[in-house]
N, C-alpha and C. Protein backbone atom coordinates (compact mmCIF):
# COMPACT_ATOMS: atom_id res chain seq x y z
N UNK A 1 221.84 183.11 266.42
CA UNK A 1 221.92 183.22 267.88
C UNK A 1 220.80 184.15 268.38
N UNK A 2 220.13 183.74 269.44
CA UNK A 2 219.02 184.52 269.98
C UNK A 2 219.53 185.80 270.62
N UNK A 3 218.85 186.91 270.34
CA UNK A 3 219.20 188.20 270.93
C UNK A 3 218.56 188.32 272.31
N UNK A 4 219.40 188.33 273.34
CA UNK A 4 218.87 188.40 274.71
C UNK A 4 219.04 189.79 275.31
N UNK A 5 219.40 190.77 274.49
CA UNK A 5 219.58 192.14 274.99
C UNK A 5 218.24 192.67 275.51
N UNK A 6 218.27 193.24 276.70
CA UNK A 6 217.05 193.74 277.31
C UNK A 6 216.71 195.13 276.81
N UNK A 7 215.42 195.35 276.65
CA UNK A 7 214.96 196.68 276.26
C UNK A 7 215.02 197.62 277.45
N UNK A 8 215.19 198.91 277.16
CA UNK A 8 215.01 199.91 278.20
C UNK A 8 213.55 199.86 278.67
N UNK A 9 213.34 200.16 279.93
CA UNK A 9 212.01 200.04 280.53
C UNK A 9 211.47 201.41 280.90
N UNK A 10 210.18 201.60 280.66
CA UNK A 10 209.47 202.78 281.15
C UNK A 10 208.31 202.32 282.02
N UNK A 11 208.25 202.91 283.22
CA UNK A 11 207.19 202.58 284.16
C UNK A 11 206.40 203.84 284.47
N UNK A 12 205.09 203.77 284.33
CA UNK A 12 204.21 204.86 284.75
C UNK A 12 203.45 204.40 285.99
N UNK A 13 203.46 205.25 287.01
CA UNK A 13 202.74 204.96 288.25
C UNK A 13 201.53 205.89 288.31
N UNK A 14 200.36 205.31 288.35
CA UNK A 14 199.12 206.09 288.45
C UNK A 14 198.47 205.82 289.81
N UNK A 15 198.16 206.88 290.52
CA UNK A 15 197.54 206.73 291.83
C UNK A 15 197.07 208.07 292.35
N UNK A 16 196.68 208.08 293.63
CA UNK A 16 196.21 209.31 294.24
C UNK A 16 197.35 209.99 294.99
N UNK A 17 197.02 210.86 295.94
CA UNK A 17 198.05 211.63 296.63
C UNK A 17 198.97 210.79 297.50
N UNK A 18 198.60 209.54 297.79
CA UNK A 18 199.49 208.70 298.58
C UNK A 18 200.71 208.24 297.78
N UNK A 19 200.73 208.50 296.48
CA UNK A 19 201.93 208.21 295.69
C UNK A 19 202.88 209.40 295.66
N UNK A 20 202.49 210.51 296.32
CA UNK A 20 203.37 211.66 296.44
C UNK A 20 204.15 211.54 297.75
N UNK A 21 204.86 212.60 298.10
CA UNK A 21 205.62 212.62 299.35
C UNK A 21 204.97 213.55 300.38
N UNK A 22 203.69 213.85 300.21
CA UNK A 22 203.00 214.71 301.17
C UNK A 22 203.07 214.09 302.56
N UNK A 23 203.52 214.86 303.52
CA UNK A 23 203.62 214.37 304.89
C UNK A 23 204.95 213.75 305.25
N UNK A 24 205.84 213.62 304.28
CA UNK A 24 207.13 212.98 304.50
C UNK A 24 208.22 214.05 304.56
N UNK A 25 208.85 214.22 305.72
CA UNK A 25 209.87 215.26 305.86
C UNK A 25 211.09 214.97 304.98
N UNK A 26 211.26 213.73 304.55
CA UNK A 26 212.34 213.40 303.63
C UNK A 26 211.96 213.60 302.17
N UNK A 27 210.68 213.94 301.94
CA UNK A 27 210.18 214.22 300.59
C UNK A 27 210.41 213.08 299.62
N UNK A 28 210.22 211.85 300.11
CA UNK A 28 210.40 210.67 299.25
C UNK A 28 209.10 209.91 299.03
N UNK A 29 208.28 209.80 300.07
CA UNK A 29 207.09 208.96 299.95
C UNK A 29 207.46 207.51 299.72
N UNK A 30 206.48 206.66 299.49
CA UNK A 30 206.82 205.26 299.24
C UNK A 30 207.39 205.09 297.83
N UNK A 31 206.93 205.90 296.90
CA UNK A 31 207.42 205.77 295.53
C UNK A 31 208.90 206.13 295.47
N UNK A 32 209.29 207.22 296.10
CA UNK A 32 210.69 207.61 296.10
C UNK A 32 211.59 206.57 296.74
N UNK A 33 211.10 205.95 297.81
CA UNK A 33 211.88 204.91 298.48
C UNK A 33 212.03 203.67 297.60
N UNK A 34 210.99 203.34 296.87
CA UNK A 34 211.07 202.20 295.96
C UNK A 34 212.05 202.50 294.82
N UNK A 35 211.97 203.70 294.27
CA UNK A 35 212.88 204.07 293.18
C UNK A 35 214.33 204.03 293.67
N UNK A 36 214.55 204.49 294.91
CA UNK A 36 215.91 204.52 295.45
C UNK A 36 216.50 203.12 295.60
N UNK A 37 215.65 202.11 295.71
CA UNK A 37 216.12 200.73 295.87
C UNK A 37 216.03 199.93 294.57
N UNK A 38 215.76 200.61 293.47
CA UNK A 38 215.61 199.94 292.18
C UNK A 38 216.79 200.28 291.26
N UNK A 39 217.57 199.30 290.82
CA UNK A 39 218.64 199.59 289.85
C UNK A 39 218.03 200.12 288.55
N UNK A 40 218.50 201.27 288.11
CA UNK A 40 217.86 201.90 286.95
C UNK A 40 218.83 202.19 285.80
N UNK A 41 220.02 201.57 285.84
CA UNK A 41 221.03 201.88 284.83
C UNK A 41 221.25 200.77 283.82
N UNK A 42 221.15 199.51 284.21
CA UNK A 42 221.49 198.42 283.29
C UNK A 42 220.50 197.27 283.49
N UNK A 43 219.39 197.24 282.76
CA UNK A 43 219.01 198.18 281.71
C UNK A 43 218.48 199.49 282.30
N UNK A 44 218.32 200.48 281.43
CA UNK A 44 217.76 201.75 281.87
C UNK A 44 216.29 201.56 282.25
N UNK A 45 215.92 202.03 283.43
CA UNK A 45 214.53 202.00 283.87
C UNK A 45 214.13 203.43 284.23
N UNK A 46 213.23 204.01 283.46
CA UNK A 46 212.71 205.34 283.74
C UNK A 46 211.33 205.20 284.38
N UNK A 47 211.14 205.89 285.51
CA UNK A 47 209.90 205.76 286.28
C UNK A 47 209.22 207.11 286.35
N UNK A 48 207.98 207.16 285.88
CA UNK A 48 207.21 208.39 285.85
C UNK A 48 206.02 208.26 286.81
N UNK A 49 206.03 209.06 287.87
CA UNK A 49 204.95 209.04 288.84
C UNK A 49 203.95 210.14 288.49
N UNK A 50 202.70 209.76 288.23
CA UNK A 50 201.69 210.71 287.74
C UNK A 50 200.47 210.65 288.67
N UNK A 51 200.55 211.29 289.83
CA UNK A 51 199.44 211.22 290.78
C UNK A 51 198.28 212.14 290.41
N UNK A 52 197.09 211.75 290.88
CA UNK A 52 195.90 212.59 290.72
C UNK A 52 195.16 212.57 292.05
N UNK A 53 195.16 213.67 292.80
CA UNK A 53 194.54 213.69 294.12
C UNK A 53 193.09 213.24 294.08
N UNK A 54 192.74 212.39 295.04
CA UNK A 54 191.37 211.88 295.11
C UNK A 54 191.02 210.87 294.04
N UNK A 55 192.01 210.27 293.42
CA UNK A 55 191.78 209.32 292.33
C UNK A 55 190.83 208.22 292.77
N UNK A 56 189.80 207.98 291.96
CA UNK A 56 188.93 206.82 292.12
C UNK A 56 189.20 205.86 290.97
N UNK A 57 188.67 204.66 291.08
CA UNK A 57 188.84 203.71 289.98
C UNK A 57 188.16 204.21 288.71
N UNK A 58 187.08 205.00 288.88
CA UNK A 58 186.38 205.56 287.71
C UNK A 58 187.25 206.58 287.00
N UNK A 59 187.92 207.47 287.76
CA UNK A 59 188.79 208.45 287.12
C UNK A 59 190.02 207.80 286.54
N UNK A 60 190.45 206.69 287.13
CA UNK A 60 191.57 205.93 286.58
C UNK A 60 191.23 205.40 285.20
N UNK A 61 190.04 204.87 285.03
CA UNK A 61 189.60 204.37 283.73
C UNK A 61 189.65 205.49 282.69
N UNK A 62 189.25 206.68 283.10
CA UNK A 62 189.16 207.80 282.17
C UNK A 62 190.53 208.31 281.72
N UNK A 63 191.53 208.27 282.61
CA UNK A 63 192.78 208.94 282.29
C UNK A 63 193.96 208.03 281.96
N UNK A 64 193.86 206.75 282.28
CA UNK A 64 195.07 205.92 282.24
C UNK A 64 195.70 205.86 280.85
N UNK A 65 194.88 205.65 279.84
CA UNK A 65 195.42 205.45 278.49
C UNK A 65 196.15 206.69 277.99
N UNK A 66 195.55 207.85 278.19
CA UNK A 66 196.19 209.09 277.73
C UNK A 66 197.49 209.35 278.47
N UNK A 67 197.51 209.05 279.77
CA UNK A 67 198.72 209.27 280.56
C UNK A 67 199.87 208.40 280.07
N UNK A 68 199.60 207.13 279.81
CA UNK A 68 200.70 206.25 279.41
C UNK A 68 201.14 206.52 277.97
N UNK A 69 200.20 206.89 277.11
CA UNK A 69 200.56 207.18 275.73
C UNK A 69 201.54 208.33 275.63
N UNK A 70 201.45 209.27 276.57
CA UNK A 70 202.36 210.42 276.57
C UNK A 70 203.78 210.04 276.97
N UNK A 71 203.93 208.90 277.63
CA UNK A 71 205.22 208.56 278.24
C UNK A 71 205.84 207.27 277.70
N UNK A 72 205.05 206.40 277.15
CA UNK A 72 205.58 205.15 276.62
C UNK A 72 206.08 205.35 275.19
N UNK A 73 206.96 204.43 274.77
CA UNK A 73 207.47 204.42 273.41
C UNK A 73 207.37 203.00 272.86
N UNK A 74 207.19 202.84 271.55
CA UNK A 74 207.08 201.49 270.98
C UNK A 74 208.33 200.66 271.19
N UNK A 75 209.50 201.30 271.30
CA UNK A 75 210.75 200.57 271.41
C UNK A 75 211.14 200.25 272.86
N UNK A 76 210.29 200.60 273.84
CA UNK A 76 210.62 200.32 275.24
C UNK A 76 209.72 199.24 275.82
N UNK A 77 210.20 198.63 276.91
CA UNK A 77 209.40 197.68 277.69
C UNK A 77 208.50 198.50 278.59
N UNK A 78 207.22 198.59 278.25
CA UNK A 78 206.31 199.50 278.92
C UNK A 78 205.53 198.80 280.03
N UNK A 79 205.54 199.43 281.22
CA UNK A 79 204.94 198.82 282.39
C UNK A 79 204.11 199.85 283.15
N UNK A 80 203.05 199.36 283.79
CA UNK A 80 202.11 200.23 284.50
C UNK A 80 201.94 199.78 285.93
N UNK A 81 202.12 200.72 286.86
CA UNK A 81 201.80 200.48 288.27
C UNK A 81 200.50 201.21 288.59
N UNK A 82 199.50 200.47 289.03
CA UNK A 82 198.24 201.05 289.46
C UNK A 82 198.24 201.06 290.99
N UNK A 83 198.33 202.26 291.56
CA UNK A 83 198.34 202.41 293.01
C UNK A 83 196.96 202.88 293.45
N UNK A 84 196.14 201.94 293.85
CA UNK A 84 194.75 202.24 294.17
C UNK A 84 194.66 203.03 295.47
N UNK A 85 193.87 204.09 295.45
CA UNK A 85 193.57 204.82 296.67
C UNK A 85 192.32 204.26 297.33
N UNK A 86 191.88 204.93 298.40
CA UNK A 86 190.67 204.45 299.08
C UNK A 86 189.47 205.36 298.83
N UNK A 87 189.56 206.22 297.81
CA UNK A 87 188.47 207.16 297.54
C UNK A 87 187.20 206.48 297.04
N UNK A 88 187.32 205.29 296.44
CA UNK A 88 186.11 204.58 296.04
C UNK A 88 185.20 204.35 297.23
N UNK A 89 185.80 204.00 298.37
CA UNK A 89 185.01 203.75 299.58
C UNK A 89 184.36 205.03 300.08
N UNK A 90 185.11 206.12 300.11
CA UNK A 90 184.56 207.38 300.63
C UNK A 90 183.57 208.02 299.66
N UNK A 91 183.70 207.71 298.36
CA UNK A 91 182.80 208.28 297.35
C UNK A 91 181.57 207.41 297.11
N UNK A 92 181.49 206.29 297.80
CA UNK A 92 180.31 205.44 297.68
C UNK A 92 180.27 204.59 296.43
N UNK A 93 181.42 204.38 295.79
CA UNK A 93 181.47 203.49 294.63
C UNK A 93 181.43 202.05 295.12
N UNK A 94 180.57 201.25 294.57
CA UNK A 94 180.41 199.88 295.03
C UNK A 94 181.65 199.06 294.71
N UNK A 95 181.87 198.02 295.50
CA UNK A 95 183.01 197.15 295.27
C UNK A 95 182.91 196.49 293.90
N UNK A 96 181.71 196.11 293.50
CA UNK A 96 181.55 195.48 292.19
C UNK A 96 181.93 196.44 291.06
N UNK A 97 181.60 197.71 291.21
CA UNK A 97 181.98 198.70 290.20
C UNK A 97 183.50 198.93 290.23
N UNK A 98 184.07 198.98 291.42
CA UNK A 98 185.52 199.15 291.55
C UNK A 98 186.24 197.98 290.88
N UNK A 99 185.75 196.78 291.12
CA UNK A 99 186.34 195.60 290.50
C UNK A 99 186.29 195.70 288.98
N UNK A 100 185.14 196.10 288.47
CA UNK A 100 184.97 196.21 287.02
C UNK A 100 185.91 197.27 286.45
N UNK A 101 186.04 198.41 287.14
CA UNK A 101 186.93 199.47 286.66
C UNK A 101 188.38 199.00 286.63
N UNK A 102 188.81 198.34 287.70
CA UNK A 102 190.18 197.83 287.73
C UNK A 102 190.39 196.80 286.64
N UNK A 103 189.45 195.88 286.49
CA UNK A 103 189.57 194.85 285.47
C UNK A 103 189.66 195.46 284.08
N UNK A 104 188.90 196.53 283.85
CA UNK A 104 188.93 197.20 282.55
C UNK A 104 190.31 197.74 282.23
N UNK A 105 190.93 198.42 283.20
CA UNK A 105 192.26 199.00 282.97
C UNK A 105 193.29 197.90 282.79
N UNK A 106 193.26 196.89 283.65
CA UNK A 106 194.23 195.80 283.56
C UNK A 106 194.12 195.08 282.22
N UNK A 107 192.90 194.76 281.83
CA UNK A 107 192.70 194.01 280.58
C UNK A 107 193.10 194.84 279.36
N UNK A 108 192.76 196.13 279.36
CA UNK A 108 193.13 196.98 278.23
C UNK A 108 194.65 197.14 278.14
N UNK A 109 195.29 197.30 279.30
CA UNK A 109 196.75 197.44 279.31
C UNK A 109 197.42 196.18 278.78
N UNK A 110 196.98 195.05 279.24
CA UNK A 110 197.61 193.79 278.82
C UNK A 110 197.40 193.52 277.34
N UNK A 111 196.26 193.94 276.81
CA UNK A 111 196.04 193.79 275.37
C UNK A 111 197.01 194.66 274.57
N UNK A 112 197.52 195.70 275.21
CA UNK A 112 198.50 196.58 274.56
C UNK A 112 199.93 196.19 274.94
N UNK A 113 200.11 194.97 275.46
CA UNK A 113 201.44 194.45 275.85
C UNK A 113 202.09 195.30 276.95
N UNK A 114 201.27 195.83 277.83
CA UNK A 114 201.77 196.58 278.98
C UNK A 114 201.64 195.69 280.22
N UNK A 115 202.78 195.41 280.85
CA UNK A 115 202.77 194.60 282.07
C UNK A 115 202.27 195.45 283.23
N UNK A 116 201.45 194.85 284.11
CA UNK A 116 200.76 195.61 285.17
C UNK A 116 201.15 195.09 286.55
N UNK A 117 201.32 196.03 287.48
CA UNK A 117 201.60 195.76 288.89
C UNK A 117 200.62 196.61 289.68
N UNK A 118 199.87 195.99 290.60
CA UNK A 118 198.81 196.71 291.32
C UNK A 118 199.12 196.79 292.80
N UNK A 119 198.95 197.98 293.35
CA UNK A 119 199.10 198.21 294.79
C UNK A 119 197.72 198.55 295.34
N UNK A 120 197.32 197.85 296.37
CA UNK A 120 195.97 198.02 296.91
C UNK A 120 195.81 199.28 297.74
N UNK A 121 194.56 199.61 298.08
CA UNK A 121 194.28 200.82 298.85
C UNK A 121 194.78 200.73 300.29
N UNK A 122 195.33 201.81 300.83
CA UNK A 122 195.79 201.81 302.21
C UNK A 122 194.64 202.08 303.17
N UNK A 123 194.82 201.77 304.45
CA UNK A 123 193.79 202.10 305.45
C UNK A 123 193.62 203.60 305.58
N UNK A 124 192.46 203.99 306.09
CA UNK A 124 192.14 205.40 306.30
C UNK A 124 192.31 205.76 307.78
N UNK A 125 192.43 207.06 308.05
CA UNK A 125 192.37 207.54 309.43
C UNK A 125 190.96 207.38 309.98
N UNK A 126 189.97 207.29 309.09
CA UNK A 126 188.56 207.12 309.46
C UNK A 126 188.30 205.64 309.72
N UNK A 127 188.23 205.26 310.98
CA UNK A 127 188.11 203.84 311.33
C UNK A 127 186.83 203.23 310.79
N UNK A 128 185.76 204.00 310.76
CA UNK A 128 184.49 203.46 310.25
C UNK A 128 184.59 203.14 308.76
N UNK A 129 185.40 203.94 308.04
CA UNK A 129 185.54 203.73 306.60
C UNK A 129 186.37 202.49 306.29
N UNK A 130 187.18 202.06 307.24
CA UNK A 130 188.07 200.93 306.97
C UNK A 130 187.32 199.64 306.70
N UNK A 131 186.11 199.52 307.18
CA UNK A 131 185.30 198.33 306.87
C UNK A 131 185.06 198.25 305.37
N UNK A 132 184.73 199.40 304.76
CA UNK A 132 184.50 199.43 303.31
C UNK A 132 185.81 199.26 302.55
N UNK A 133 186.88 199.85 303.06
CA UNK A 133 188.16 199.75 302.36
C UNK A 133 188.66 198.31 302.36
N UNK A 134 188.41 197.59 303.44
CA UNK A 134 188.83 196.19 303.48
C UNK A 134 188.16 195.38 302.38
N UNK A 135 186.87 195.61 302.18
CA UNK A 135 186.16 194.90 301.11
C UNK A 135 186.70 195.32 299.74
N UNK A 136 187.01 196.61 299.61
CA UNK A 136 187.59 197.11 298.36
C UNK A 136 188.92 196.43 298.08
N UNK A 137 189.78 196.36 299.10
CA UNK A 137 191.10 195.75 298.92
C UNK A 137 190.98 194.28 298.56
N UNK A 138 190.09 193.57 299.24
CA UNK A 138 189.92 192.15 298.97
C UNK A 138 189.37 191.91 297.57
N UNK A 139 188.43 192.76 297.15
CA UNK A 139 187.86 192.61 295.81
C UNK A 139 188.87 192.88 294.72
N UNK A 140 189.71 193.90 294.91
CA UNK A 140 190.72 194.22 293.91
C UNK A 140 191.80 193.15 293.85
N UNK A 141 192.14 192.58 295.00
CA UNK A 141 193.12 191.49 295.01
C UNK A 141 192.59 190.30 294.23
N UNK A 142 191.30 190.03 294.35
CA UNK A 142 190.71 188.91 293.63
C UNK A 142 190.76 189.14 292.12
N UNK A 143 190.51 190.37 291.69
CA UNK A 143 190.60 190.71 290.27
C UNK A 143 192.01 190.40 289.75
N UNK A 144 193.02 190.77 290.52
CA UNK A 144 194.40 190.55 290.09
C UNK A 144 194.76 189.06 290.11
N UNK A 145 194.33 188.37 291.17
CA UNK A 145 194.63 186.94 291.26
C UNK A 145 194.05 186.17 290.09
N UNK A 146 192.86 186.54 289.66
CA UNK A 146 192.21 185.85 288.54
C UNK A 146 192.97 186.07 287.23
N UNK A 147 193.76 187.14 287.18
CA UNK A 147 194.49 187.47 285.95
C UNK A 147 195.98 187.21 286.06
N UNK A 148 196.42 186.70 287.20
CA UNK A 148 197.84 186.45 287.40
C UNK A 148 198.66 187.71 287.43
N UNK A 149 198.08 188.79 287.97
CA UNK A 149 198.74 190.09 288.03
C UNK A 149 199.24 190.32 289.46
N UNK A 150 200.46 190.86 289.58
CA UNK A 150 201.00 191.17 290.90
C UNK A 150 200.09 192.11 291.67
N UNK A 151 199.84 191.78 292.94
CA UNK A 151 199.03 192.64 293.81
C UNK A 151 199.72 192.75 295.16
N UNK A 152 199.89 193.99 295.63
CA UNK A 152 200.46 194.23 296.95
C UNK A 152 199.37 194.75 297.87
N UNK A 153 199.12 194.03 298.94
CA UNK A 153 198.10 194.40 299.92
C UNK A 153 198.69 195.41 300.90
N UNK A 154 198.19 196.65 300.89
CA UNK A 154 198.57 197.64 301.89
C UNK A 154 197.65 197.58 303.11
N UNK A 155 196.40 197.21 302.88
CA UNK A 155 195.40 197.37 303.93
C UNK A 155 195.67 196.51 305.16
N UNK A 156 195.73 195.20 304.97
CA UNK A 156 195.81 194.31 306.12
C UNK A 156 197.10 194.45 306.94
N UNK A 157 198.27 194.65 306.30
CA UNK A 157 199.48 194.84 307.11
C UNK A 157 199.51 196.17 307.88
N UNK A 158 198.74 197.19 307.43
CA UNK A 158 198.86 198.52 307.99
C UNK A 158 197.69 198.95 308.87
N UNK A 159 196.54 198.30 308.73
CA UNK A 159 195.34 198.81 309.39
C UNK A 159 195.49 198.87 310.91
N UNK A 160 196.22 197.95 311.49
CA UNK A 160 196.40 197.95 312.94
C UNK A 160 197.82 198.31 313.36
N UNK A 161 198.61 198.85 312.43
CA UNK A 161 199.99 199.19 312.76
C UNK A 161 200.02 200.50 313.55
N UNK A 162 200.57 200.46 314.75
CA UNK A 162 200.54 201.61 315.65
C UNK A 162 201.23 202.83 315.04
N UNK A 163 202.44 202.65 314.53
CA UNK A 163 203.19 203.77 313.97
C UNK A 163 202.48 204.42 312.80
N UNK A 164 201.93 203.60 311.92
CA UNK A 164 201.20 204.10 310.76
C UNK A 164 200.00 204.93 311.20
N UNK A 165 199.23 204.40 312.13
CA UNK A 165 198.01 205.08 312.58
C UNK A 165 198.32 206.35 313.36
N UNK A 166 199.39 206.37 314.12
CA UNK A 166 199.77 207.58 314.84
C UNK A 166 200.11 208.71 313.87
N UNK A 167 200.76 208.36 312.78
CA UNK A 167 201.08 209.38 311.78
C UNK A 167 199.83 209.92 311.10
N UNK A 168 198.88 209.05 310.77
CA UNK A 168 197.63 209.51 310.16
C UNK A 168 196.90 210.46 311.08
N UNK A 169 196.84 210.11 312.35
CA UNK A 169 196.10 210.92 313.32
C UNK A 169 196.78 212.25 313.59
N UNK A 170 198.10 212.28 313.50
CA UNK A 170 198.85 213.51 313.79
C UNK A 170 198.90 214.45 312.59
N UNK A 171 198.63 213.95 311.40
CA UNK A 171 198.75 214.73 310.18
C UNK A 171 197.49 215.56 309.93
N UNK A 172 197.67 216.84 309.60
CA UNK A 172 196.51 217.68 309.28
C UNK A 172 195.84 217.21 308.00
N UNK A 173 196.59 216.51 307.14
CA UNK A 173 196.03 215.98 305.89
C UNK A 173 195.68 214.51 306.02
N UNK A 174 195.88 213.94 307.21
CA UNK A 174 195.65 212.51 307.43
C UNK A 174 196.45 211.65 306.47
N UNK A 175 197.73 212.03 306.32
CA UNK A 175 198.64 211.32 305.44
C UNK A 175 199.72 210.63 306.25
N UNK A 176 200.32 209.57 305.69
CA UNK A 176 201.44 208.92 306.38
C UNK A 176 202.65 209.84 306.49
N UNK A 177 203.60 209.45 307.34
CA UNK A 177 204.89 210.12 307.44
C UNK A 177 205.99 209.14 307.09
N UNK A 178 207.16 209.35 307.66
CA UNK A 178 208.30 208.50 307.33
C UNK A 178 208.04 207.03 307.64
N UNK A 179 207.42 206.76 308.79
CA UNK A 179 207.16 205.36 309.16
C UNK A 179 206.20 204.72 308.18
N UNK A 180 205.08 205.39 307.91
CA UNK A 180 204.08 204.83 307.03
C UNK A 180 204.58 204.61 305.62
N UNK A 181 205.23 205.62 305.06
CA UNK A 181 205.75 205.49 303.71
C UNK A 181 206.85 204.43 303.64
N UNK A 182 207.65 204.35 304.71
CA UNK A 182 208.68 203.31 304.74
C UNK A 182 208.08 201.92 304.73
N UNK A 183 207.01 201.74 305.49
CA UNK A 183 206.33 200.44 305.52
C UNK A 183 205.72 200.11 304.15
N UNK A 184 205.12 201.10 303.53
CA UNK A 184 204.51 200.87 302.22
C UNK A 184 205.57 200.49 301.19
N UNK A 185 206.70 201.19 301.23
CA UNK A 185 207.79 200.86 300.30
C UNK A 185 208.31 199.45 300.55
N UNK A 186 208.45 199.09 301.81
CA UNK A 186 208.93 197.75 302.15
C UNK A 186 207.99 196.68 301.59
N UNK A 187 206.71 196.91 301.71
CA UNK A 187 205.74 195.94 301.19
C UNK A 187 205.86 195.79 299.68
N UNK A 188 205.99 196.89 298.97
CA UNK A 188 206.14 196.82 297.51
C UNK A 188 207.41 196.07 297.13
N UNK A 189 208.51 196.45 297.78
CA UNK A 189 209.81 195.85 297.43
C UNK A 189 209.87 194.36 297.75
N UNK A 190 209.13 193.95 298.76
CA UNK A 190 209.19 192.56 299.20
C UNK A 190 207.99 191.72 298.79
N UNK A 191 207.17 192.25 297.92
CA UNK A 191 206.00 191.51 297.45
C UNK A 191 205.96 191.45 295.93
N UNK A 192 207.15 191.23 295.33
CA UNK A 192 207.16 190.95 293.91
C UNK A 192 207.72 192.01 292.99
N UNK A 193 208.17 193.14 293.55
CA UNK A 193 208.66 194.23 292.70
C UNK A 193 209.84 193.82 291.84
N UNK A 194 210.87 193.27 292.45
CA UNK A 194 212.08 192.91 291.70
C UNK A 194 211.78 191.79 290.70
N UNK A 195 210.98 190.84 291.13
CA UNK A 195 210.63 189.73 290.23
C UNK A 195 209.85 190.25 289.02
N UNK A 196 208.95 191.19 289.26
CA UNK A 196 208.16 191.77 288.17
C UNK A 196 209.07 192.44 287.14
N UNK A 197 210.14 193.06 287.62
CA UNK A 197 211.07 193.75 286.74
C UNK A 197 212.17 192.84 286.20
N UNK A 198 212.21 191.60 286.67
CA UNK A 198 213.26 190.69 286.24
C UNK A 198 214.61 191.07 286.79
N UNK A 199 214.66 191.62 288.01
CA UNK A 199 215.89 192.09 288.63
C UNK A 199 216.24 191.24 289.85
N UNK A 200 217.50 191.21 290.17
CA UNK A 200 217.92 190.61 291.42
C UNK A 200 217.62 191.59 292.55
N UNK A 201 217.19 191.07 293.68
CA UNK A 201 216.84 191.94 294.80
C UNK A 201 218.08 192.67 295.30
N UNK A 202 217.90 193.98 295.54
CA UNK A 202 218.99 194.80 296.07
C UNK A 202 219.12 194.60 297.56
N UNK A 203 220.32 194.35 298.02
CA UNK A 203 220.55 194.15 299.44
C UNK A 203 220.99 195.45 300.08
N UNK A 204 220.72 195.57 301.39
CA UNK A 204 221.18 196.74 302.16
C UNK A 204 222.70 196.72 302.27
């Protein structure tokens, strides 16, 4: 008889400061809101959020393997969430280089039997920079589509959202608040999160 028992799951989330709860009076951020809506008991799902402020795709290439090796185990179903920031655009990293960096991490992870879920870069408070971020988001989505990897677009749904932009403008750190993080969490939860984990969607 085939053994259909599910392995315990470990998820590592790598991203910049937007994966924290900075600016959120509820101290949840989008990651906390996603975890709160994710069944984590049967099977056990442990989620490790490992942010690095100002993360670029280049720094992601440098640190990703060491970060996951510290947290994954051979006996668990190991999964990686790549939460791309928009620092590539502000640091002048070309879209082609960003694409290559993302492809490198995704391909290396998959060769190690690590399932990958990618969240795209969010819009900036700097309207002029959003032109570059849009190209970055589109390029990264194409990398994922070519590999059949889940990709959640933050940029296009949020760039013109009034509530999101008001929070960025009001924040001394130019970070989202409850509205922005709530929108980001909603996008993740409704753009393949449960399916990626093989779970039934949690209802309100």
